Amino acid sequence: MTKLVFTACLLLLLLVVNGGHHVVEARRHRERSKDYMLFVFGDSFADVGNRPRTSQRTVMSRAWFYPYGMSDSDHGNRPTGRVSDGMVQSDILAMILGGDESPPPSRQTQRDPSGVNFAVGGSGVFSGEAASLRQQVEQLASLVNRGIVEAEDLAESVALVAVSTGHDYAGRITHESSSNDMRALTSQVTDEIASAVMRLRDLGVSKVLVNLLPALGCMPWQSVGSHYSQCDSQSNMLASMHNTALRNKLEAFPQDVLVLDLYTVFSNAAQPAPPCCSNPDPSGYCGQEDPNGRPQYTVCADPHSAFFWDYIHPTQAGWETIMEQLVQPIQQFLGIQSSW
């Protein structure tokens, strides 16, 4: 039987429904180093709650249920729709910019001076159950056309494009796929990302940060079969093809776009490593309970010492480690200083 590099199980893991309509308390105020507005696009690496919470706990809505959010003291150690035990990438980027946390999710109707987060779990460049990258960018365009976001806002703005979990390759690439197959698909995916960057620049966004794919083959869902001792080489090859193609296409924006090399950072920080929250059932997920409410998962004793939270996403400590390696180039690119 053909072993899928991106299995149906991964599809479920990636289609995380992040969102909800209850109010969560904000993080403590920080002094801003510069009044950049932040606009966030992408998937669950950056989503802070853009999909409504479901009444029943599922793999797609798990980010709205314990143990997600358990390390997030600024939100009362409660789940907030973030696919982590605490903060995610967009939160820490906002802190580097001098803010408190990520701008609010786009589902909120009130204008916020810090910006807007359009990212949603399960997103990619292809149309599907979640808003695609192109659709997210057009949501910003709609706000501009309606005057909710003004030209002067965009002139001092930063966008994060975080298409980072490999969702677009899920179910489309197998171990029997040829290099030509992978190259053709990565070309299509990276064309869409580059097009989104161009659209953001045309709208007036002044600076754009773009994630490369991490080492997909070293993520826990790939390395669990070897008891976290080996990475999947073909998945890493696919990520490398994607990253090379994307770098080449973004060279057209040398002054306006900064590539964030998640591949190298993830590889340096954890290659491979087990997740803090795990489920022994191959089709199970972190946070799963049986019909009687008994946890089917286990959580490590100290999430702060773990890099991965679940089978795909970093812990808050993991994201802090990642962004510590990226903060200097981000500051240099934006011409800012921050105490983060």
Protein backbone atom coordinates (compact mmCIF):
# COMPACT_ATOMS: atom_id res chain seq x y z
CA MET A 1 0.00 0.00 0.00
CA THR A 2 1.33 3.40 -0.89
CA LYS A 3 2.43 5.29 2.15
CA LEU A 4 1.12 8.82 1.95
CA VAL A 5 3.49 11.58 2.80
CA PHE A 6 0.48 13.67 3.64
CA THR A 7 -2.26 11.36 4.89
CA ALA A 8 -5.92 11.79 5.53
CA CYS A 9 -5.06 11.92 9.21
CA LEU A 10 -2.89 14.96 8.55
CA LEU A 11 -5.77 16.59 6.73
CA LEU A 12 -7.82 16.30 9.90
CA LEU A 13 -4.97 17.64 11.99
CA LEU A 14 -4.53 20.62 9.68
CA LEU A 15 -8.21 21.49 9.42
CA VAL A 16 -8.22 23.00 12.88
CA VAL A 17 -11.21 25.19 13.49
CA ASN A 18 -9.91 28.19 15.38
CA GLY A 19 -12.40 30.69 16.61
CA GLY A 20 -15.21 31.51 18.95
CA HIS A 21 -17.42 34.33 20.05
CA HIS A 22 -16.62 34.69 23.72
CA VAL A 23 -14.39 37.50 24.95
CA VAL A 24 -10.91 36.77 26.28
CA GLU A 25 -8.84 39.16 28.31
CA ALA A 26 -5.95 40.89 26.57
CA ARG A 27 -2.29 40.68 27.49
CA ARG A 28 -0.64 43.41 29.53
CA HIS A 29 0.18 46.63 27.72
CA ARG A 30 3.66 47.11 26.24
CA GLU A 31 5.34 50.24 24.98
CA ARG A 32 5.28 50.29 21.19
CA SER A 33 8.59 50.89 19.42
CA LYS A 34 6.86 52.09 16.26
CA ASP A 35 3.24 52.42 15.22
CA TYR A 36 3.25 49.62 12.67
CA MET A 37 -0.12 48.05 11.95
CA LEU A 38 0.13 44.28 11.60
CA PHE A 39 -1.90 42.23 9.14
CA VAL A 40 -1.64 38.46 9.46
CA PHE A 41 -2.49 35.85 6.82
CA GLY A 42 -2.07 32.10 6.68
CA ASP A 43 -2.87 29.00 8.69
CA SER A 44 -2.83 27.65 12.24
CA PHE A 45 0.75 28.75 12.89
CA ALA A 46 -0.64 32.30 13.10
CA ASP A 47 -4.39 31.95 13.75
CA VAL A 48 -5.68 33.44 17.01
CA GLY A 49 -9.32 32.42 16.70
CA ASN A 50 -10.84 32.98 13.27
CA ARG A 51 -13.11 29.98 13.16
CA PRO A 52 -16.11 29.68 15.49
CA ARG A 53 -15.93 27.24 18.34
CA THR A 54 -18.07 24.13 18.00
CA SER A 55 -20.30 22.83 20.77
CA GLN A 56 -18.59 19.44 20.73
CA ARG A 57 -14.85 18.86 21.00
CA THR A 58 -13.42 17.60 17.68
CA VAL A 59 -10.02 17.43 16.01
CA MET A 60 -11.00 20.58 14.12
CA SER A 61 -12.16 22.58 17.13
CA ARG A 62 -9.70 21.23 19.69
CA ALA A 63 -7.94 24.59 19.99
CA TRP A 64 -10.96 25.87 21.90
CA PHE A 65 -10.72 23.15 24.55
CA TYR A 66 -8.30 22.17 27.31
CA PRO A 67 -5.36 21.46 27.31
CA TYR A 68 -4.86 24.09 24.61
CA GLY A 69 -4.02 27.44 26.21
CA MET A 70 -2.91 25.87 29.48
CA SER A 71 0.34 27.90 29.57
CA ASP A 72 -1.26 31.20 28.53
CA SER A 73 -1.31 33.05 31.85
CA ASP A 74 -2.25 36.34 30.18
CA HIS A 75 -5.53 34.74 29.10
CA GLY A 76 -6.19 32.97 32.37
CA ASN A 77 -4.59 29.71 31.20
CA ARG A 78 -7.64 29.14 29.04
CA PRO A 79 -7.94 28.09 25.38
CA THR A 80 -8.36 30.99 22.97
CA GLY A 81 -8.44 29.24 19.60
CA ARG A 82 -4.67 29.24 19.30
CA VAL A 83 -3.24 25.85 18.33
CA SER A 84 -0.68 25.79 21.12
CA ASP A 85 -0.45 25.74 24.87
CA GLY A 86 -0.03 29.52 24.68
CA MET A 87 1.17 32.09 22.18
CA VAL A 88 1.68 31.48 18.46
CA GLN A 89 3.92 33.14 15.89
CA SER A 90 1.70 36.15 15.23
CA ASP A 91 1.60 36.99 18.95
CA ILE A 92 5.36 37.09 19.26
CA LEU A 93 5.76 39.09 16.05
CA ALA A 94 3.32 41.64 17.47
CA MET A 95 5.43 41.81 20.63
CA ILE A 96 8.56 42.39 18.55
CA LEU A 97 6.69 45.32 16.99
CA GLY A 98 5.99 46.63 20.49
CA GLY A 99 2.44 45.37 20.89
CA ASP A 100 0.80 43.12 23.45
CA GLU A 101 -0.27 40.20 21.27
CA SER A 102 -1.54 39.49 17.77
CA PRO A 103 -4.16 41.85 16.38
CA PRO A 104 -7.66 40.48 16.91
CA PRO A 105 -9.15 37.92 14.53
CA SER A 106 -10.95 39.30 11.51
CA ARG A 107 -14.25 37.83 12.69
CA GLN A 108 -14.39 40.70 15.20
CA THR A 109 -16.15 43.67 13.65
CA GLN A 110 -14.56 46.51 15.61
CA ARG A 111 -11.58 48.29 14.09
CA ASP A 112 -8.40 47.80 16.09
CA PRO A 113 -5.41 50.17 15.76
CA SER A 114 -2.98 47.25 16.03
CA GLY A 115 -4.25 45.64 12.79
CA VAL A 116 -6.18 42.52 11.82
CA ASN A 117 -5.42 38.79 11.89
CA PHE A 118 -7.02 36.96 8.94
CA ALA A 119 -5.16 33.64 9.40
CA VAL A 120 -7.27 30.53 9.88
CA GLY A 121 -6.40 26.95 10.66
CA GLY A 122 -6.60 24.60 7.70
CA SER A 123 -5.87 27.34 5.18
CA GLY A 124 -3.53 27.20 2.22
CA VAL A 125 -3.42 28.60 -1.29
CA PHE A 126 -6.07 26.23 -2.63
CA SER A 127 -9.77 26.81 -2.00
CA GLY A 128 -11.25 24.56 0.64
CA GLU A 129 -13.16 24.52 3.88
CA ALA A 130 -11.10 27.40 5.27
CA ALA A 131 -10.55 30.76 3.60
CA SER A 132 -7.61 30.48 1.21
CA LEU A 133 -4.65 32.85 1.29
CA ARG A 134 -6.06 34.77 -1.68
CA GLN A 135 -9.45 35.08 0.01
CA GLN A 136 -7.82 36.36 3.19
CA VAL A 137 -5.93 39.03 1.25
CA GLU A 138 -9.17 40.06 -0.45
CA GLN A 139 -10.74 40.44 2.99
CA LEU A 140 -8.13 43.12 3.65
CA ALA A 141 -8.86 44.67 0.25
CA SER A 142 -12.53 44.86 1.23
CA LEU A 143 -11.64 46.71 4.44
CA VAL A 144 -9.55 49.15 2.39
CA ASN A 145 -12.34 49.72 -0.12
CA ARG A 146 -14.80 50.38 2.71
CA GLY A 147 -12.46 52.84 4.39
CA ILE A 148 -12.10 50.75 7.53
CA VAL A 149 -8.37 50.45 6.84
CA GLU A 150 -6.97 53.69 5.43
CA ALA A 151 -4.05 54.43 3.13
CA GLU A 152 -1.97 55.92 5.94
CA ASP A 153 -2.47 52.72 7.92
CA LEU A 154 -1.04 50.66 5.07
CA ALA A 155 1.89 53.03 4.57
CA GLU A 156 3.17 52.03 8.02
CA SER A 157 2.15 48.40 8.06
CA VAL A 158 3.67 44.94 8.23
CA ALA A 159 2.10 41.78 6.86
CA LEU A 160 2.93 38.24 7.95
CA VAL A 161 2.21 35.54 5.35
CA ALA A 162 2.31 32.28 7.29
CA VAL A 163 1.42 29.43 4.93
CA SER A 164 3.49 27.03 6.95
CA THR A 165 1.92 23.66 7.77
CA GLY A 166 2.08 22.10 4.29
CA HIS A 167 -1.70 21.82 4.01
CA ASP A 168 -1.59 22.37 0.24
CA TYR A 169 0.44 19.20 -0.22
CA ALA A 170 -1.76 17.02 1.98
CA GLY A 171 -3.11 14.11 -0.01
CA ARG A 172 -1.53 15.38 -3.22
CA ILE A 173 1.97 13.92 -2.78
CA THR A 174 2.89 10.31 -1.93
CA HIS A 175 6.13 8.40 -1.61
CA GLU A 176 5.55 7.29 -5.20
CA SER A 177 5.35 10.87 -6.48
CA SER A 178 8.18 11.78 -8.79
CA SER A 179 10.44 14.79 -8.44
CA ASN A 180 8.65 16.30 -11.42
CA ASP A 181 5.30 15.87 -9.65
CA MET A 182 6.63 17.61 -6.56
CA ARG A 183 8.27 20.36 -8.58
CA ALA A 184 5.07 21.06 -10.51
CA LEU A 185 2.96 21.31 -7.38
CA THR A 186 5.47 23.44 -5.47
CA SER A 187 5.59 25.79 -8.44
CA GLN A 188 1.82 26.17 -8.35
CA VAL A 189 1.71 26.72 -4.59
CA THR A 190 4.55 29.23 -4.53
CA ASP A 191 3.08 31.12 -7.50
CA GLU A 192 0.00 31.72 -5.36
CA ILE A 193 2.03 32.89 -2.37
CA ALA A 194 4.08 35.27 -4.52
CA SER A 195 0.85 36.56 -6.08
CA ALA A 196 -0.56 37.26 -2.62
CA VAL A 197 2.59 39.19 -1.71
CA MET A 198 2.28 41.25 -4.89
CA ARG A 199 -1.38 41.96 -4.11
CA LEU A 200 -0.46 43.13 -0.60
CA ARG A 201 2.18 45.46 -2.02
CA ASP A 202 -0.34 46.80 -4.56
CA LEU A 203 -2.78 47.50 -1.72
CA GLY A 204 -0.09 49.59 -0.06
CA VAL A 205 1.31 47.29 2.63
CA SER A 206 4.83 48.56 3.16
CA LYS A 207 6.65 45.48 4.49
CA VAL A 208 5.88 41.77 4.14
CA LEU A 209 7.31 38.85 6.12
CA VAL A 210 6.90 35.46 4.45
CA ASN A 211 7.38 32.10 6.15
CA LEU A 212 9.24 29.31 4.44
CA LEU A 213 8.01 25.80 5.18
CA PRO A 214 9.60 24.12 8.19
CA ALA A 215 11.26 20.72 7.88
CA LEU A 216 7.97 18.86 7.39
CA GLY A 217 9.60 15.45 7.65
CA CYS A 218 10.82 16.18 11.17
CA MET A 219 7.43 17.10 12.57
CA PRO A 220 6.11 14.63 15.15
CA TRP A 221 3.33 13.32 12.92
CA GLN A 222 6.05 12.17 10.50
CA SER A 223 8.65 10.97 12.99
CA VAL A 224 6.31 9.15 15.39
CA GLY A 225 6.70 5.92 13.39
CA SER A 226 10.42 5.85 14.19
CA HIS A 227 9.78 6.80 17.82
CA TYR A 228 11.02 10.29 16.98
CA SER A 229 14.45 9.09 15.90
CA GLN A 230 14.26 9.80 12.14
CA CYS A 231 12.87 12.45 9.83
CA ASP A 232 11.02 11.63 6.61
CA SER A 233 13.46 12.52 3.82
CA GLN A 234 10.90 12.93 1.04
CA SER A 235 8.79 15.35 3.05
CA ASN A 236 11.89 17.40 3.77
CA MET A 237 12.79 17.31 0.07
CA LEU A 238 9.33 18.62 -0.77
CA ALA A 239 9.71 21.44 1.76
CA SER A 240 13.12 22.31 0.31
CA MET A 241 11.71 22.43 -3.22
CA HIS A 242 8.91 24.69 -2.02
CA ASN A 243 11.33 27.00 -0.21
CA THR A 244 13.76 27.28 -3.12
CA ALA A 245 10.94 28.12 -5.53
CA LEU A 246 9.45 30.67 -3.14
CA ARG A 247 12.78 32.38 -2.48
CA ASN A 248 13.37 32.72 -6.22
CA LYS A 249 9.95 34.27 -6.80
CA LEU A 250 10.27 36.72 -3.93
CA GLU A 251 13.58 38.09 -5.23
CA ALA A 252 11.48 40.58 -7.19
CA PHE A 253 10.81 42.37 -3.88
CA PRO A 254 14.29 42.71 -2.34
CA GLN A 255 13.56 45.84 -0.29
CA ASP A 256 10.00 45.06 0.74
CA VAL A 257 9.91 41.35 1.61
CA LEU A 258 11.77 39.38 4.26
CA VAL A 259 11.81 35.59 4.08
CA LEU A 260 11.59 33.87 7.47
CA ASP A 261 13.59 30.64 7.27
CA LEU A 262 11.51 28.32 9.43
CA TYR A 263 13.19 25.30 7.82
CA THR A 264 16.59 26.09 9.30
CA VAL A 265 15.23 27.33 12.62
CA PHE A 266 13.03 24.27 13.17
CA SER A 267 15.89 21.98 12.17
CA ASN A 268 18.28 23.65 14.61
CA ALA A 269 15.80 23.65 17.47
CA ALA A 270 14.24 20.19 17.20
CA GLN A 271 15.13 17.42 14.76
CA PRO A 272 13.07 15.41 15.47
CA ALA A 273 11.27 15.64 18.83
CA PRO A 274 8.12 14.21 20.45
CA PRO A 275 5.10 16.41 21.15
CA CYS A 276 4.20 17.50 24.66
CA CYS A 277 0.56 16.54 24.12
CA SER A 278 0.14 13.12 22.53
CA ASN A 279 -2.48 10.46 21.93
CA PRO A 280 -1.53 6.77 21.56
CA ASP A 281 -4.35 6.27 19.03
CA PRO A 282 -2.89 6.87 15.54
CA SER A 283 -6.17 8.49 14.50
CA GLY A 284 -6.53 10.41 17.78
CA TYR A 285 -5.54 13.93 18.66
CA CYS A 286 -4.38 16.11 21.52
CA GLY A 287 -7.35 17.02 23.68
CA GLN A 288 -9.48 14.04 22.67
CA GLU A 289 -11.86 12.60 25.27
CA ASP A 290 -13.93 9.42 25.30
CA PRO A 291 -17.76 9.57 25.51
CA ASN A 292 -17.49 9.71 29.30
CA GLY A 293 -15.17 12.71 29.25
CA ARG A 294 -12.03 10.79 30.12
CA PRO A 295 -8.88 12.18 28.48
CA GLN A 296 -7.41 9.98 25.74
CA TYR A 297 -4.27 12.10 25.63
CA THR A 298 -1.33 12.82 27.90
CA VAL A 299 0.49 16.10 28.50
CA CYS A 300 4.16 16.29 29.40
CA ALA A 301 5.16 17.46 32.87
CA ASP A 302 6.70 20.72 31.64
CA PRO A 303 5.41 22.23 28.37
CA HIS A 304 7.97 25.01 28.76
CA SER A 305 10.76 22.50 28.08
CA ALA A 306 9.09 21.01 24.97
CA PHE A 307 9.42 22.34 21.42
CA PHE A 308 6.31 20.74 19.90
CA TRP A 309 2.92 21.03 21.53
CA ASP A 310 0.98 18.58 19.35
CA TYR A 311 1.93 16.62 16.26
CA ILE A 312 2.32 19.74 14.10
CA HIS A 313 2.41 22.91 16.19
CA PRO A 314 5.09 24.33 18.50
CA THR A 315 4.55 25.13 22.15
CA GLN A 316 4.68 28.73 23.29
CA ALA A 317 8.25 27.99 24.40
CA GLY A 318 8.92 26.55 20.94
CA TRP A 319 7.66 29.71 19.26
CA GLU A 320 9.79 31.82 21.58
CA THR A 321 12.84 29.77 20.59
CA ILE A 322 11.98 30.17 16.90
CA MET A 323 11.38 33.90 17.05
CA GLU A 324 14.50 34.51 19.15
CA GLN A 325 16.48 33.34 16.12
CA LEU A 326 14.48 35.58 13.78
CA VAL A 327 14.10 38.75 15.85
CA GLN A 328 17.37 40.36 14.75
CA PRO A 329 16.75 40.13 10.98
CA ILE A 330 13.15 41.27 11.55
CA GLN A 331 14.32 44.31 13.51
CA GLN A 332 16.94 45.17 10.89
CA PHE A 333 14.42 44.77 8.07
CA LEU A 334 11.86 47.02 9.76
CA GLY A 335 14.35 49.48 11.24
CA ILE A 336 13.09 49.03 14.78
CA GLN A 337 14.35 48.14 18.21
CA SER A 338 12.34 46.27 20.80
CA SER A 339 12.84 44.84 24.25
CA TRP A 340 11.33 41.46 23.40
